[in-house]
Protein backbone atom coordinates (compact mmCIF):
# COMPACT_ATOMS: atom_id res chain seq x y z
CA MET A 1 5.92 -72.14 -0.49
CA MET A 2 9.57 -69.81 0.04
CA HIS A 3 8.72 -67.19 -2.97
CA ARG A 4 5.41 -66.79 -1.63
CA SER A 5 6.39 -65.81 1.99
CA TYR A 6 9.13 -63.45 0.53
CA LEU A 7 5.94 -61.94 -1.91
CA GLU A 8 3.54 -61.60 0.96
CA ASN A 9 5.63 -60.21 3.40
CA TYR A 10 6.56 -57.48 0.69
CA LEU A 11 3.18 -56.82 -0.20
CA GLU A 12 2.15 -56.20 3.46
CA SER A 13 4.67 -54.17 4.20
CA ILE A 14 3.86 -51.46 1.39
CA SER A 15 0.44 -52.09 1.69
CA THR A 16 -0.07 -47.91 3.23
CA LEU A 17 2.30 -46.72 0.40
CA PRO A 18 -0.31 -45.59 -1.97
CA GLY A 19 -2.35 -44.53 0.63
CA ASP A 20 0.75 -42.29 2.07
CA VAL A 21 2.04 -41.21 -0.96
CA GLY A 22 -1.65 -40.23 -1.97
CA ARG A 23 -2.24 -38.04 0.82
CA ASN A 24 0.94 -36.36 0.59
CA LEU A 25 0.82 -35.42 -2.89
CA MET A 26 -3.17 -33.91 -1.85
CA LEU A 27 -1.37 -32.11 0.77
CA MET A 28 1.30 -30.85 -1.31
CA LYS A 29 -1.34 -29.57 -4.03
CA ASP A 30 -3.48 -27.85 -1.36
CA LEU A 31 -0.18 -26.01 -0.31
CA ASP A 32 0.67 -24.89 -3.90
CA GLU A 33 -3.05 -23.54 -4.41
CA ARG A 34 -2.69 -21.45 -1.26
CA ALA A 35 0.89 -20.13 -2.29
CA GLN A 36 -0.40 -18.70 -6.22
CA GLN A 37 -3.42 -17.45 -3.84
CA LEU A 38 -0.76 -15.19 -1.73
CA LEU A 39 1.21 -14.82 -4.68
CA VAL A 40 -1.59 -13.15 -6.84
CA LYS A 41 -2.08 -10.92 -3.50
CA ILE A 42 1.40 -9.61 -3.30
CA ASP A 43 1.70 -8.93 -7.09
CA ALA A 44 -1.75 -6.66 -6.59
CA GLY A 45 -0.56 -4.91 -3.45
CA THR A 46 3.25 -4.25 -5.05
CA GLN A 47 1.16 -3.01 -8.24
CA GLU A 48 -0.82 -0.17 -6.12
CA LEU A 49 2.37 0.73 -4.19
CA VAL A 50 4.02 1.45 -7.32
CA ARG A 51 1.25 3.39 -8.88
CA SER A 52 0.88 5.24 -5.41
CA GLY A 53 4.77 6.64 -6.20
CA SER A 54 5.00 7.74 -2.40
CA ASP A 55 6.94 6.21 0.65
CA THR A 56 4.79 3.27 2.17
CA SER A 57 7.01 1.09 3.50
CA ASN A 58 5.28 1.45 7.21
CA SER A 59 1.46 1.85 5.51
CA PRO A 60 -0.71 -1.07 6.07
CA LEU A 61 -0.52 -2.19 2.48
CA SER A 62 3.42 -2.69 2.97
CA ARG A 63 3.09 -4.51 5.79
CA GLN A 64 0.26 -6.95 4.50
CA ILE A 65 2.61 -7.54 1.74
CA ARG A 66 5.32 -8.42 3.73
CA GLU A 67 3.22 -10.81 5.76
CA ASN A 68 2.08 -12.52 2.70
CA LEU A 69 5.40 -13.29 1.15
CA LYS A 70 6.16 -14.66 4.97
CA SER A 71 3.24 -17.20 4.54
CA ALA A 72 4.22 -18.17 0.94
CA ARG A 73 7.52 -18.55 1.66
CA LEU A 74 6.50 -21.06 4.75
CA LEU A 75 3.93 -22.81 2.47
CA SER A 76 6.58 -23.11 -0.48
CA ASP A 77 9.03 -24.80 2.44
CA GLU A 78 6.30 -26.99 3.44
CA LYS A 79 5.52 -28.47 0.18
CA VAL A 80 9.36 -29.30 -0.67
CA SER A 81 9.66 -31.12 2.85
CA LEU A 82 6.29 -32.86 2.10
CA ALA A 83 7.82 -33.61 -1.61
CA THR A 84 11.33 -34.63 0.22
CA GLN A 85 9.50 -37.20 2.72
CA THR A 86 7.69 -38.66 -0.23
CA TYR A 87 10.59 -39.06 -2.40
CA GLU A 88 12.33 -40.88 0.50
CA MET A 89 9.55 -42.89 1.33
CA ILE A 90 9.58 -44.07 -2.02
CA ASP A 91 13.14 -44.62 -2.46
CA ARG A 92 13.38 -46.68 1.09
CA ASN A 93 10.70 -49.21 0.16
CA ILE A 94 12.83 -49.58 -3.46
CA ARG A 95 15.81 -50.59 -1.43
CA ARG A 96 13.77 -52.85 0.45
CA LEU A 97 12.60 -54.39 -2.49
CA ASP A 98 16.08 -55.01 -3.78
CA SER A 99 17.48 -56.68 -0.63
CA GLU A 100 14.82 -59.32 -0.11
CA LEU A 101 15.28 -60.07 -4.09
CA LYS A 102 19.01 -60.97 -3.11
CA LYS A 103 18.28 -62.54 -0.14
CA PHE A 104 15.96 -64.51 -2.28
CA GLU A 105 18.52 -65.32 -4.79
CA SER A 106 20.95 -66.16 -2.14
CA GLU A 107 18.37 -68.70 -0.93
CA LEU A 108 17.59 -70.43 -4.31
CA ASP A 109 21.42 -70.66 -4.90
CA SER A 110 21.82 -72.62 -1.84
CA ILE A 111 19.01 -74.85 -2.35
CA ASN A 112 20.16 -75.57 -6.01
CA ALA A 113 23.80 -76.33 -4.60
CA HIS A 114 22.56 -78.99 -2.61
CA GLN A 115 20.28 -80.54 -5.19
CA PRO A 116 21.85 -83.32 -7.66
CA PRO A 117 21.75 -82.44 -11.07
CA GLU A 118 19.03 -83.73 -13.37
CA VAL A 119 19.99 -86.88 -15.77
CA ASP A 120 18.45 -87.31 -18.98
CA THR A 121 16.66 -90.52 -19.34
CA SER A 122 14.98 -90.13 -22.79
CA GLU A 123 16.78 -92.95 -24.18
CA ILE A 124 15.82 -95.51 -21.40
CA LYS A 125 13.47 -98.11 -22.99
CA GLY A 126 10.72 -100.58 -21.15
CA LEU A 127 12.49 -99.70 -17.41
CA LYS A 128 10.08 -102.25 -14.95
CA ALA A 129 9.90 -101.16 -11.55
CA LYS A 130 12.25 -103.53 -9.48
CA GLY A 131 10.83 -106.66 -7.40
CA LYS A 132 7.45 -106.60 -9.74
CA LYS A 133 6.92 -109.73 -10.88
CA GLY A 134 4.87 -110.60 -13.99
CA PRO A 135 4.47 -110.87 -17.54
CA VAL A 136 6.56 -108.01 -18.59
CA HIS A 137 7.62 -108.18 -22.64
CA LYS A 138 11.30 -107.57 -23.46
CA ALA A 139 12.38 -104.09 -24.17
CA SER A 140 11.40 -102.97 -27.73
CA THR A 141 13.99 -102.45 -30.12
CA ASP A 142 13.88 -101.48 -33.63
CA ASP A 143 15.56 -104.49 -35.81
CA ASP A 144 15.60 -101.81 -38.72
CA MET A 145 17.92 -99.62 -36.64
CA ASP A 146 21.04 -97.93 -38.40
CA PRO A 147 24.17 -99.82 -37.10
CA GLU A 148 25.70 -96.83 -36.19
CA ASP A 149 22.66 -95.20 -34.50
CA ASN A 150 22.30 -98.58 -32.44
CA ALA A 151 26.32 -98.07 -31.74
CA GLN A 152 25.58 -94.49 -30.59
CA THR A 153 22.74 -95.98 -28.50
CA ARG A 154 24.82 -98.33 -26.43
CA GLN A 155 27.29 -95.35 -25.52
CA ILE A 156 26.58 -94.21 -22.16
CA ASP A 157 28.83 -91.81 -20.00
CA PHE A 158 29.81 -93.54 -16.91
CA ASP A 159 30.90 -90.77 -15.39
CA LEU A 160 27.62 -89.22 -14.88
CA PRO A 161 26.30 -88.01 -11.30
CA VAL A 162 23.20 -91.05 -10.45
CA ASP A 163 20.72 -90.60 -7.64
CA PRO A 164 21.92 -93.01 -5.10
CA ASN A 165 18.37 -93.52 -4.61
CA GLU A 166 17.68 -94.79 -7.96
CA PRO A 167 17.38 -99.12 -8.26
CA THR A 168 20.38 -100.78 -10.30
CA TYR A 169 19.88 -103.38 -12.23
CA CYS A 170 21.92 -106.17 -14.67
CA LEU A 171 25.05 -108.04 -13.63
CA CYS A 172 27.06 -105.02 -13.58
CA HIS A 173 24.72 -103.64 -10.89
CA ARG A 174 24.28 -99.93 -12.59
CA VAL A 175 20.97 -97.77 -13.47
CA SER A 176 19.37 -98.30 -16.47
CA PHE A 177 20.38 -96.93 -19.52
CA GLY A 178 19.91 -97.74 -23.25
CA GLN A 179 18.46 -100.44 -24.52
CA MET A 180 17.66 -103.06 -21.92
CA VAL A 181 15.82 -106.72 -22.01
CA CYS A 182 13.88 -108.63 -19.45
CA CYS A 183 14.68 -111.92 -18.23
CA ASP A 184 11.87 -114.30 -19.16
CA ASN A 185 12.19 -116.52 -16.02
CA PRO A 186 9.46 -114.90 -13.65
CA GLU A 187 11.39 -115.68 -10.39
CA CYS A 188 14.79 -113.74 -11.67
CA GLU A 189 16.40 -111.75 -9.24
CA ILE A 190 17.76 -109.45 -11.29
CA GLU A 191 15.13 -109.01 -14.09
CA TRP A 192 16.42 -106.58 -16.51
CA PHE A 193 20.32 -106.44 -18.14
CA HIS A 194 21.64 -104.13 -20.62
CA PHE A 195 21.99 -105.44 -24.04
CA GLU A 196 26.11 -104.93 -23.97
CA CYS A 197 26.42 -106.88 -20.56
CA VAL A 198 24.70 -109.82 -21.97
CA GLY A 199 26.31 -109.77 -25.28
CA LEU A 200 23.16 -108.77 -27.49
CA THR A 201 23.09 -106.20 -29.99
CA THR A 202 19.30 -106.61 -30.80
CA SER A 203 15.94 -107.72 -29.13
CA PRO A 204 16.05 -111.34 -28.76
CA LYS A 205 13.13 -113.68 -30.85
CA GLY A 206 10.95 -115.55 -28.24
CA LYS A 207 12.08 -116.53 -24.80
CA TRP A 208 15.16 -114.63 -23.14
CA TYR A 209 16.82 -116.16 -20.12
CA CYS A 210 19.97 -114.36 -18.49
CA PRO A 211 23.00 -116.19 -17.66
CA ASN A 212 22.64 -117.21 -14.54
CA CYS A 213 18.66 -118.55 -15.22
CA LYS A 214 19.79 -120.17 -18.24
CA ALA A 215 22.23 -122.01 -15.90
CA LEU A 216 19.92 -122.86 -13.22
CA LEU A 217 17.74 -124.57 -15.58
CA GLN A 218 20.00 -126.60 -17.00
CA ARG A 219 20.94 -127.89 -13.63
CA LYS A 220 17.55 -128.50 -13.40
CA LYS A 221 17.23 -130.86 -16.42
CA PHE A 222 19.83 -132.66 -15.22
């Protein structure tokens, strides 16, 4: 799946990040400890020079203090360099994550833009697959339904987008909605009809035939 591919690619790209950061932190800790040891030696040597009170700028102790100061400065510079490198390493991966997320959102928007909106089919009652024959009962209807509720059930917004692959029914050749009734003729070519299209307001009692089948049955009697 697309989102798994993005996730797996990103996790693979940062698989070495924890180890790299951990190694840099250990090196920085080691450099800091070595620098602190040199600073202790520098402080002790400086105090000894002060106590002597003589001009010892060229003495072995003075030269050692200068060497220790130079080494401590180099260790500090190296520690700063490692800290900068670690920061840039983490920041680079954060910026890459932001970039991947934007690409992912862009592709999701592109996919959603090409999919038809969902249609609420919660009011479809008693739908039967078109072309399936057999003893199917009429769509159930609550005869005690309030007239206002019944009228609202029949009010359908025909401007709603419809899936072109959804089967159509009734004399109007529209998709299923609201309350529908099934023709009791097993050979009926249409089978299902909207109440309003065949003049029904409640579920018919007994057998019910659509206008086409009713006319066909009447012709057969004569």
